[in-house]
PDB file of N, CA and C in Angstrom:
ATOM      1  N   MET A   1     -37.462 -37.224  55.217  1.00  0.00           N
ATOM      2  CA  MET A   1     -38.740 -37.891  55.288  1.00  0.00           C
ATOM      3  C   MET A   1     -39.757 -37.078  54.499  1.00  0.00           C
ATOM      4  N   THR A   2     -40.629 -37.763  53.796  1.00  0.00           N
ATOM      5  CA  THR A   2     -41.658 -37.118  52.996  1.00  0.00           C
ATOM      6  C   THR A   2     -42.711 -36.484  53.895  1.00  0.00           C
ATOM      7  N   HIS A   3     -43.052 -35.225  53.586  1.00  0.00           N
ATOM      8  CA  HIS A   3     -44.031 -34.486  54.383  1.00  0.00           C
ATOM      9  C   HIS A   3     -45.343 -34.363  53.612  1.00  0.00           C
ATOM     10  N   ILE A   4     -46.427 -34.827  54.238  1.00  0.00           N
ATOM     11  CA  ILE A   4     -47.762 -34.750  53.640  1.00  0.00           C
ATOM     12  C   ILE A   4     -48.566 -33.694  54.386  1.00  0.00           C
ATOM     13  N   LEU A   5     -49.274 -32.873  53.610  1.00  0.00           N
ATOM     14  CA  LEU A   5     -50.174 -31.873  54.175  1.00  0.00           C
ATOM     15  C   LEU A   5     -51.592 -32.201  53.721  1.00  0.00           C
ATOM     16  N   ILE A   6     -52.481 -32.399  54.677  1.00  0.00           N
ATOM     17  CA  ILE A   6     -53.891 -32.670  54.389  1.00  0.00           C
ATOM     18  C   ILE A   6     -54.672 -31.404  54.698  1.00  0.00           C
ATOM     19  N   CYS A   7     -55.359 -30.875  53.697  1.00  0.00           N
ATOM     20  CA  CYS A   7     -56.141 -29.650  53.878  1.00  0.00           C
ATOM     21  C   CYS A   7     -57.590 -29.944  53.500  1.00  0.00           C
ATOM     22  N   ASP A   8     -58.425 -30.027  54.527  1.00  0.00           N
ATOM     23  CA  ASP A   8     -59.835 -30.345  54.314  1.00  0.00           C
ATOM     24  C   ASP A   8     -60.633 -29.673  55.421  1.00  0.00           C
ATOM     25  N   ASN A   9     -61.713 -28.991  55.066  1.00  0.00           N
ATOM     26  CA  ASN A   9     -62.515 -28.307  56.077  1.00  0.00           C
ATOM     27  C   ASN A   9     -63.454 -29.263  56.810  1.00  0.00           C
ATOM     28  N   ASN A  10     -63.380 -30.546  56.502  1.00  0.00           N
ATOM     29  CA  ASN A  10     -64.133 -31.571  57.218  1.00  0.00           C
ATOM     30  C   ASN A  10     -63.151 -32.297  58.144  1.00  0.00           C
ATOM     31  N   PRO A  11     -63.223 -32.043  59.446  1.00  0.00           N
ATOM     32  CA  PRO A  11     -62.247 -32.649  60.368  1.00  0.00           C
ATOM     33  C   PRO A  11     -62.315 -34.171  60.407  1.00  0.00           C
ATOM     34  N   VAL A  12     -63.482 -34.736  60.164  1.00  0.00           N
ATOM     35  CA  VAL A  12     -63.621 -36.198  60.149  1.00  0.00           C
ATOM     36  C   VAL A  12     -62.844 -36.774  58.968  1.00  0.00           C
ATOM     37  N   GLN A  13     -62.965 -36.143  57.820  1.00  0.00           N
ATOM     38  CA  GLN A  13     -62.244 -36.586  56.617  1.00  0.00           C
ATOM     39  C   GLN A  13     -60.734 -36.465  56.822  1.00  0.00           C
ATOM     40  N   SER A  14     -60.287 -35.351  57.373  1.00  0.00           N
ATOM     41  CA  SER A  14     -58.856 -35.154  57.624  1.00  0.00           C
ATOM     42  C   SER A  14     -58.310 -36.215  58.562  1.00  0.00           C
ATOM     43  N   ALA A  15     -59.036 -36.457  59.653  1.00  0.00           N
ATOM     44  CA  ALA A  15     -58.591 -37.454  60.631  1.00  0.00           C
ATOM     45  C   ALA A  15     -58.548 -38.846  60.014  1.00  0.00           C
ATOM     46  N   TYR A  16     -59.547 -39.171  59.210  1.00  0.00           N
ATOM     47  CA  TYR A  16     -59.587 -40.479  58.558  1.00  0.00           C
ATOM     48  C   TYR A  16     -58.387 -40.661  57.623  1.00  0.00           C
ATOM     49  N   LEU A  17     -58.128 -39.668  56.797  1.00  0.00           N
ATOM     50  CA  LEU A  17     -56.990 -39.757  55.877  1.00  0.00           C
ATOM     51  C   LEU A  17     -55.677 -39.909  56.636  1.00  0.00           C
ATOM     52  N   GLN A  18     -55.507 -39.123  57.684  1.00  0.00           N
ATOM     53  CA  GLN A  18     -54.276 -39.211  58.464  1.00  0.00           C
ATOM     54  C   GLN A  18     -54.139 -40.593  59.103  1.00  0.00           C
ATOM     55  N   GLU A  19     -55.208 -41.100  59.683  1.00  0.00           N
ATOM     56  CA  GLU A  19     -55.168 -42.426  60.308  1.00  0.00           C
ATOM     57  C   GLU A  19     -54.820 -43.519  59.299  1.00  0.00           C
ATOM     58  N   GLN A  20     -55.409 -43.443  58.118  1.00  0.00           N
ATOM     59  CA  GLN A  20     -55.153 -44.467  57.095  1.00  0.00           C
ATOM     60  C   GLN A  20     -53.706 -44.429  56.613  1.00  0.00           C
ATOM     61  N   ILE A  21     -53.188 -43.247  56.379  1.00  0.00           N
ATOM     62  CA  ILE A  21     -51.799 -43.121  55.933  1.00  0.00           C
ATOM     63  C   ILE A  21     -50.853 -43.645  57.003  1.00  0.00           C
ATOM     64  N   GLU A  22     -51.099 -43.277  58.261  1.00  0.00           N
ATOM     65  CA  GLU A  22     -50.232 -43.725  59.350  1.00  0.00           C
ATOM     66  C   GLU A  22     -50.325 -45.237  59.557  1.00  0.00           C
ATOM     67  N   ALA A  23     -51.518 -45.813  59.346  1.00  0.00           N
ATOM     68  CA  ALA A  23     -51.680 -47.260  59.515  1.00  0.00           C
ATOM     69  C   ALA A  23     -51.003 -48.034  58.386  1.00  0.00           C
ATOM     70  N   LEU A  24     -51.122 -47.530  57.174  1.00  0.00           N
ATOM     71  CA  LEU A  24     -50.554 -48.233  56.019  1.00  0.00           C
ATOM     72  C   LEU A  24     -49.051 -48.028  55.876  1.00  0.00           C
ATOM     73  N   PHE A  25     -48.576 -46.868  56.274  1.00  0.00           N
ATOM     74  CA  PHE A  25     -47.169 -46.518  56.093  1.00  0.00           C
ATOM     75  C   PHE A  25     -46.575 -45.960  57.379  1.00  0.00           C
ATOM     76  N   PRO A  26     -46.506 -46.766  58.433  1.00  0.00           N
ATOM     77  CA  PRO A  26     -45.970 -46.244  59.699  1.00  0.00           C
ATOM     78  C   PRO A  26     -44.521 -45.788  59.544  1.00  0.00           C
ATOM     79  N   ASP A  27     -44.225 -44.654  60.130  1.00  0.00           N
ATOM     80  CA  ASP A  27     -42.868 -44.101  60.159  1.00  0.00           C
ATOM     81  C   ASP A  27     -42.303 -43.705  58.797  1.00  0.00           C
ATOM     82  N   ASN A  28     -43.164 -43.577  57.779  1.00  0.00           N
ATOM     83  CA  ASN A  28     -42.669 -43.193  56.452  1.00  0.00           C
ATOM     84  C   ASN A  28     -42.911 -41.730  56.116  1.00  0.00           C
ATOM     85  N   PHE A  29     -43.860 -41.101  56.801  1.00  0.00           N
ATOM     86  CA  PHE A  29     -44.253 -39.738  56.460  1.00  0.00           C
ATOM     87  C   PHE A  29     -44.420 -38.900  57.717  1.00  0.00           C
ATOM     88  N   THR A  30     -44.198 -37.601  57.583  1.00  0.00           N
ATOM     89  CA  THR A  30     -44.687 -36.662  58.582  1.00  0.00           C
ATOM     90  C   THR A  30     -45.968 -36.094  57.990  1.00  0.00           C
ATOM     91  N   ILE A  31     -46.953 -35.862  58.847  1.00  0.00           N
ATOM     92  CA  ILE A  31     -48.260 -35.417  58.370  1.00  0.00           C
ATOM     93  C   ILE A  31     -48.703 -34.208  59.171  1.00  0.00           C
ATOM     94  N   ALA A  32     -49.169 -33.193  58.463  1.00  0.00           N
ATOM     95  CA  ALA A  32     -49.788 -32.020  59.083  1.00  0.00           C
ATOM     96  C   ALA A  32     -51.176 -31.871  58.484  1.00  0.00           C
ATOM     97  N   THR A  33     -52.076 -31.265  59.231  1.00  0.00           N
ATOM     98  CA  THR A  33     -53.421 -31.027  58.721  1.00  0.00           C
ATOM     99  C   THR A  33     -53.794 -29.561  58.925  1.00  0.00           C
ATOM    100  N   CYS A  34     -54.697 -29.100  58.094  1.00  0.00           N
ATOM    101  CA  CYS A  34     -55.269 -27.766  58.237  1.00  0.00           C
ATOM    102  C   CYS A  34     -56.672 -27.812  57.645  1.00  0.00           C
ATOM    103  N   SER A  35     -57.446 -26.770  57.890  1.00  0.00           N
ATOM    104  CA  SER A  35     -58.843 -26.802  57.464  1.00  0.00           C
ATOM    105  C   SER A  35     -59.274 -25.599  56.626  1.00  0.00           C
ATOM    106  N   SER A  36     -58.323 -24.779  56.208  1.00  0.00           N
ATOM    107  CA  SER A  36     -58.688 -23.581  55.448  1.00  0.00           C
ATOM    108  C   SER A  36     -57.523 -23.152  54.552  1.00  0.00           C
ATOM    109  N   SER A  37     -57.814 -22.228  53.663  1.00  0.00           N
ATOM    110  CA  SER A  37     -56.756 -21.704  52.798  1.00  0.00           C
ATOM    111  C   SER A  37     -55.715 -20.955  53.625  1.00  0.00           C
ATOM    112  N   GLU A  38     -56.163 -20.273  54.688  1.00  0.00           N
ATOM    113  CA  GLU A  38     -55.219 -19.582  55.559  1.00  0.00           C
ATOM    114  C   GLU A  38     -54.307 -20.588  56.267  1.00  0.00           C
ATOM    115  N   GLY A  39     -54.905 -21.674  56.724  1.00  0.00           N
ATOM    116  CA  GLY A  39     -54.125 -22.730  57.359  1.00  0.00           C
ATOM    117  C   GLY A  39     -53.142 -23.367  56.404  1.00  0.00           C
ATOM    118  N   LEU A  40     -53.568 -23.529  55.153  1.00  0.00           N
ATOM    119  CA  LEU A  40     -52.689 -24.096  54.126  1.00  0.00           C
ATOM    120  C   LEU A  40     -51.470 -23.196  53.922  1.00  0.00           C
ATOM    121  N   ARG A  41     -51.716 -21.906  53.826  1.00  0.00           N
ATOM    122  CA  ARG A  41     -50.597 -20.975  53.643  1.00  0.00           C
ATOM    123  C   ARG A  41     -49.653 -20.995  54.858  1.00  0.00           C
ATOM    124  N   ALA A  42     -50.227 -21.029  56.053  1.00  0.00           N
ATOM    125  CA  ALA A  42     -49.407 -21.039  57.267  1.00  0.00           C
ATOM    126  C   ALA A  42     -48.600 -22.329  57.379  1.00  0.00           C
ATOM    127  N   GLU A  43     -49.227 -23.465  57.134  1.00  0.00           N
ATOM    128  CA  GLU A  43     -48.524 -24.750  57.219  1.00  0.00           C
ATOM    129  C   GLU A  43     -47.423 -24.843  56.164  1.00  0.00           C
ATOM    130  N   THR A  44     -47.714 -24.346  54.969  1.00  0.00           N
ATOM    131  CA  THR A  44     -46.733 -24.382  53.882  1.00  0.00           C
ATOM    132  C   THR A  44     -45.540 -23.490  54.202  1.00  0.00           C
ATOM    133  N   ALA A  45     -45.804 -22.354  54.849  1.00  0.00           N
ATOM    134  CA  ALA A  45     -44.712 -21.456  55.233  1.00  0.00           C
ATOM    135  C   ALA A  45     -43.848 -22.086  56.328  1.00  0.00           C
ATOM    136  N   GLN A  46     -44.473 -22.869  57.196  1.00  0.00           N
ATOM    137  CA  GLN A  46     -43.755 -23.513  58.294  1.00  0.00           C
ATOM    138  C   GLN A  46     -42.894 -24.671  57.794  1.00  0.00           C
ATOM    139  N   GLN A  47     -43.457 -25.525  56.937  1.00  0.00           N
ATOM    140  CA  GLN A  47     -42.711 -26.636  56.354  1.00  0.00           C
ATOM    141  C   GLN A  47     -43.294 -26.943  54.985  1.00  0.00           C
ATOM    142  N   ALA A  48     -42.465 -26.860  53.979  1.00  0.00           N
ATOM    143  CA  ALA A  48     -42.920 -27.120  52.614  1.00  0.00           C
ATOM    144  C   ALA A  48     -43.322 -28.583  52.470  1.00  0.00           C
ATOM    145  N   PRO A  49     -44.527 -28.839  51.964  1.00  0.00           N
ATOM    146  CA  PRO A  49     -44.961 -30.221  51.800  1.00  0.00           C
ATOM    147  C   PRO A  49     -44.396 -30.841  50.528  1.00  0.00           C
ATOM    148  N   ASP A  50     -44.307 -32.162  50.538  1.00  0.00           N
ATOM    149  CA  ASP A  50     -43.958 -32.914  49.328  1.00  0.00           C
ATOM    150  C   ASP A  50     -45.225 -33.369  48.613  1.00  0.00           C
ATOM    151  N   ILE A  51     -46.248 -33.670  49.417  1.00  0.00           N
ATOM    152  CA  ILE A  51     -47.540 -34.131  48.906  1.00  0.00           C
ATOM    153  C   ILE A  51     -48.632 -33.350  49.623  1.00  0.00           C
ATOM    154  N   VAL A  52     -49.620 -32.892  48.858  1.00  0.00           N
ATOM    155  CA  VAL A  52     -50.759 -32.174  49.434  1.00  0.00           C
ATOM    156  C   VAL A  52     -52.043 -32.884  49.012  1.00  0.00           C
ATOM    157  N   LEU A  53     -52.848 -33.264  50.004  1.00  0.00           N
ATOM    158  CA  LEU A  53     -54.184 -33.797  49.762  1.00  0.00           C
ATOM    159  C   LEU A  53     -55.129 -32.672  50.135  1.00  0.00           C
ATOM    160  N   MET A  54     -55.859 -32.132  49.146  1.00  0.00           N
ATOM    161  CA  MET A  54     -56.601 -30.905  49.403  1.00  0.00           C
ATOM    162  C   MET A  54     -58.021 -30.964  48.877  1.00  0.00           C
ATOM    163  N   ASP A  55     -58.954 -30.557  49.731  1.00  0.00           N
ATOM    164  CA  ASP A  55     -60.359 -30.445  49.375  1.00  0.00           C
ATOM    165  C   ASP A  55     -60.506 -29.435  48.237  1.00  0.00           C
ATOM    166  N   VAL A  56     -61.370 -29.735  47.277  1.00  0.00           N
ATOM    167  CA  VAL A  56     -61.558 -28.794  46.169  1.00  0.00           C
ATOM    168  C   VAL A  56     -62.438 -27.612  46.563  1.00  0.00           C
ATOM    169  N   LEU A  57     -63.175 -27.742  47.658  1.00  0.00           N
ATOM    170  CA  LEU A  57     -64.004 -26.641  48.142  1.00  0.00           C
ATOM    171  C   LEU A  57     -63.552 -26.273  49.544  1.00  0.00           C
ATOM    172  N   LEU A  58     -62.838 -25.163  49.643  1.00  0.00           N
ATOM    173  CA  LEU A  58     -62.329 -24.693  50.937  1.00  0.00           C
ATOM    174  C   LEU A  58     -63.005 -23.380  51.297  1.00  0.00           C
ATOM    175  N   GLY A  59     -64.214 -23.471  51.782  1.00  0.00           N
ATOM    176  CA  GLY A  59     -64.937 -22.252  52.131  1.00  0.00           C
ATOM    177  C   GLY A  59     -65.156 -21.372  50.918  1.00  0.00           C
ATOM    178  N   LYS A  60     -64.608 -20.172  50.965  1.00  0.00           N
ATOM    179  CA  LYS A  60     -64.793 -19.210  49.878  1.00  0.00           C
ATOM    180  C   LYS A  60     -63.840 -19.454  48.711  1.00  0.00           C
ATOM    181  N   GLU A  61     -62.807 -20.257  48.922  1.00  0.00           N
ATOM    182  CA  GLU A  61     -61.798 -20.444  47.883  1.00  0.00           C
ATOM    183  C   GLU A  61     -61.950 -21.777  47.166  1.00  0.00           C
ATOM    184  N   ASN A  62     -61.617 -21.759  45.910  1.00  0.00           N
ATOM    185  CA  ASN A  62     -61.604 -22.955  45.091  1.00  0.00           C
ATOM    186  C   ASN A  62     -60.262 -23.648  45.312  1.00  0.00           C
ATOM    187  N   GLY A  63     -60.304 -24.858  45.847  1.00  0.00           N
ATOM    188  CA  GLY A  63     -59.079 -25.588  46.164  1.00  0.00           C
ATOM    189  C   GLY A  63     -58.191 -25.844  44.965  1.00  0.00           C
ATOM    190  N   ILE A  64     -58.781 -26.077  43.812  1.00  0.00           N
ATOM    191  CA  ILE A  64     -57.985 -26.344  42.609  1.00  0.00           C
ATOM    192  C   ILE A  64     -57.230 -25.091  42.191  1.00  0.00           C
ATOM    193  N   GLU A  65     -57.905 -23.950  42.185  1.00  0.00           N
ATOM    194  CA  GLU A  65     -57.228 -22.704  41.824  1.00  0.00           C
ATOM    195  C   GLU A  65     -56.151 -22.349  42.846  1.00  0.00           C
ATOM    196  N   LEU A  66     -56.451 -22.572  44.118  1.00  0.00           N
ATOM    197  CA  LEU A  66     -55.475 -22.311  45.172  1.00  0.00           C
ATOM    198  C   LEU A  66     -54.243 -23.194  44.996  1.00  0.00           C
ATOM    199  N   ALA A  67     -54.454 -24.457  44.688  1.00  0.00           N
ATOM    200  CA  ALA A  67     -53.331 -25.375  44.481  1.00  0.00           C
ATOM    201  C   ALA A  67     -52.497 -24.959  43.274  1.00  0.00           C
ATOM    202  N   LYS A  68     -53.146 -24.544  42.204  1.00  0.00           N
ATOM    203  CA  LYS A  68     -52.410 -24.081  41.017  1.00  0.00           C
ATOM    204  C   LYS A  68     -51.553 -22.861  41.348  1.00  0.00           C
ATOM    205  N   GLU A  69     -52.089 -21.983  42.188  1.00  0.00           N
ATOM    206  CA  GLU A  69     -51.356 -20.778  42.593  1.00  0.00           C
ATOM    207  C   GLU A  69     -50.177 -21.134  43.501  1.00  0.00           C
ATOM    208  N   MET A  70     -50.430 -21.971  44.484  1.00  0.00           N
ATOM    209  CA  MET A  70     -49.408 -22.259  45.493  1.00  0.00           C
ATOM    210  C   MET A  70     -48.407 -23.328  45.074  1.00  0.00           C
ATOM    211  N   PHE A  71     -48.847 -24.263  44.246  1.00  0.00           N
ATOM    212  CA  PHE A  71     -47.993 -25.395  43.875  1.00  0.00           C
ATOM    213  C   PHE A  71     -47.957 -25.573  42.354  1.00  0.00           C
ATOM    214  N   PRO A  72     -47.303 -24.649  41.655  1.00  0.00           N
ATOM    215  CA  PRO A  72     -47.220 -24.805  40.194  1.00  0.00           C
ATOM    216  C   PRO A  72     -46.451 -26.075  39.855  1.00  0.00           C
ATOM    217  N   ARG A  73     -46.613 -26.550  38.649  1.00  0.00           N
ATOM    218  CA  ARG A  73     -45.944 -27.793  38.227  1.00  0.00           C
ATOM    219  C   ARG A  73     -44.447 -27.755  38.466  1.00  0.00           C
ATOM    220  N   SER A  74     -43.869 -26.601  38.350  1.00  0.00           N
ATOM    221  CA  SER A  74     -42.419 -26.471  38.516  1.00  0.00           C
ATOM    222  C   SER A  74     -41.976 -26.626  39.968  1.00  0.00           C
ATOM    223  N   SER A  75     -42.924 -26.604  40.926  1.00  0.00           N
ATOM    224  CA  SER A  75     -42.556 -26.674  42.340  1.00  0.00           C
ATOM    225  C   SER A  75     -42.135 -28.075  42.774  1.00  0.00           C
ATOM    226  N   GLY A  76     -42.581 -29.090  42.053  1.00  0.00           N
ATOM    227  CA  GLY A  76     -42.260 -30.462  42.426  1.00  0.00           C
ATOM    228  C   GLY A  76     -43.192 -31.034  43.479  1.00  0.00           C
ATOM    229  N   VAL A  77     -44.148 -30.234  43.966  1.00  0.00           N
ATOM    230  CA  VAL A  77     -45.110 -30.698  44.955  1.00  0.00           C
ATOM    231  C   VAL A  77     -46.205 -31.481  44.238  1.00  0.00           C
ATOM    232  N   VAL A  78     -46.531 -32.648  44.765  1.00  0.00           N
ATOM    233  CA  VAL A  78     -47.629 -33.453  44.236  1.00  0.00           C
ATOM    234  C   VAL A  78     -48.864 -33.084  45.022  1.00  0.00           C
ATOM    235  N   TRP A  79     -49.926 -32.673  44.347  1.00  0.00           N
ATOM    236  CA  TRP A  79     -51.166 -32.382  45.063  1.00  0.00           C
ATOM    237  C   TRP A  79     -52.304 -33.165  44.436  1.00  0.00           C
ATOM    238  N   LEU A  80     -53.130 -33.695  45.324  1.00  0.00           N
ATOM    239  CA  LEU A  80     -54.262 -34.512  44.894  1.00  0.00           C
ATOM    240  C   LEU A  80     -55.537 -33.869  45.401  1.00  0.00           C
ATOM    241  N   PRO A  81     -56.463 -33.537  44.477  1.00  0.00           N
ATOM    242  CA  PRO A  81     -57.713 -32.928  44.909  1.00  0.00           C
ATOM    243  C   PRO A  81     -58.631 -33.959  45.561  1.00  0.00           C
ATOM    244  N   LEU A  82     -59.358 -33.525  46.599  1.00  0.00           N
ATOM    245  CA  LEU A  82     -60.297 -34.375  47.304  1.00  0.00           C
ATOM    246  C   LEU A  82     -61.701 -33.775  47.184  1.00  0.00           C
ATOM    247  N   LYS A  83     -62.692 -34.631  47.083  1.00  0.00           N
ATOM    248  CA  LYS A  83     -64.072 -34.180  47.058  1.00  0.00           C
ATOM    249  C   LYS A  83     -64.912 -35.226  47.774  1.00  0.00           C
ATOM    250  N   GLU A  84     -65.779 -34.760  48.652  1.00  0.00           N
ATOM    251  CA  GLU A  84     -66.657 -35.690  49.350  1.00  0.00           C
ATOM    252  C   GLU A  84     -67.718 -36.208  48.394  1.00  0.00           C
ATOM    253  N   ALA A  85     -68.081 -37.450  48.593  1.00  0.00           N
ATOM    254  CA  ALA A  85     -69.118 -38.055  47.739  1.00  0.00           C
ATOM    255  C   ALA A  85     -70.492 -37.685  48.217  1.00  0.00           C
TER     256      ALA A  85
END
């Protein structure tokens, strides 16, 4: 089963994304959430994600640079940057 990791320091945004994915694609994905770069590292160590939806601003860290470091193109992980409007 495809594993999605949502990393956003806005809990409302994370919950909304998780709810929408579960409503549109019931029983197709496992979903984990985290709210920081530390959480991202811990969740990734626990179970490698197939898809990562990640905020571009994660506190002190730049989400895009963090994603490039953790999920290089050769990893096969799809990551999509998120930004609040």
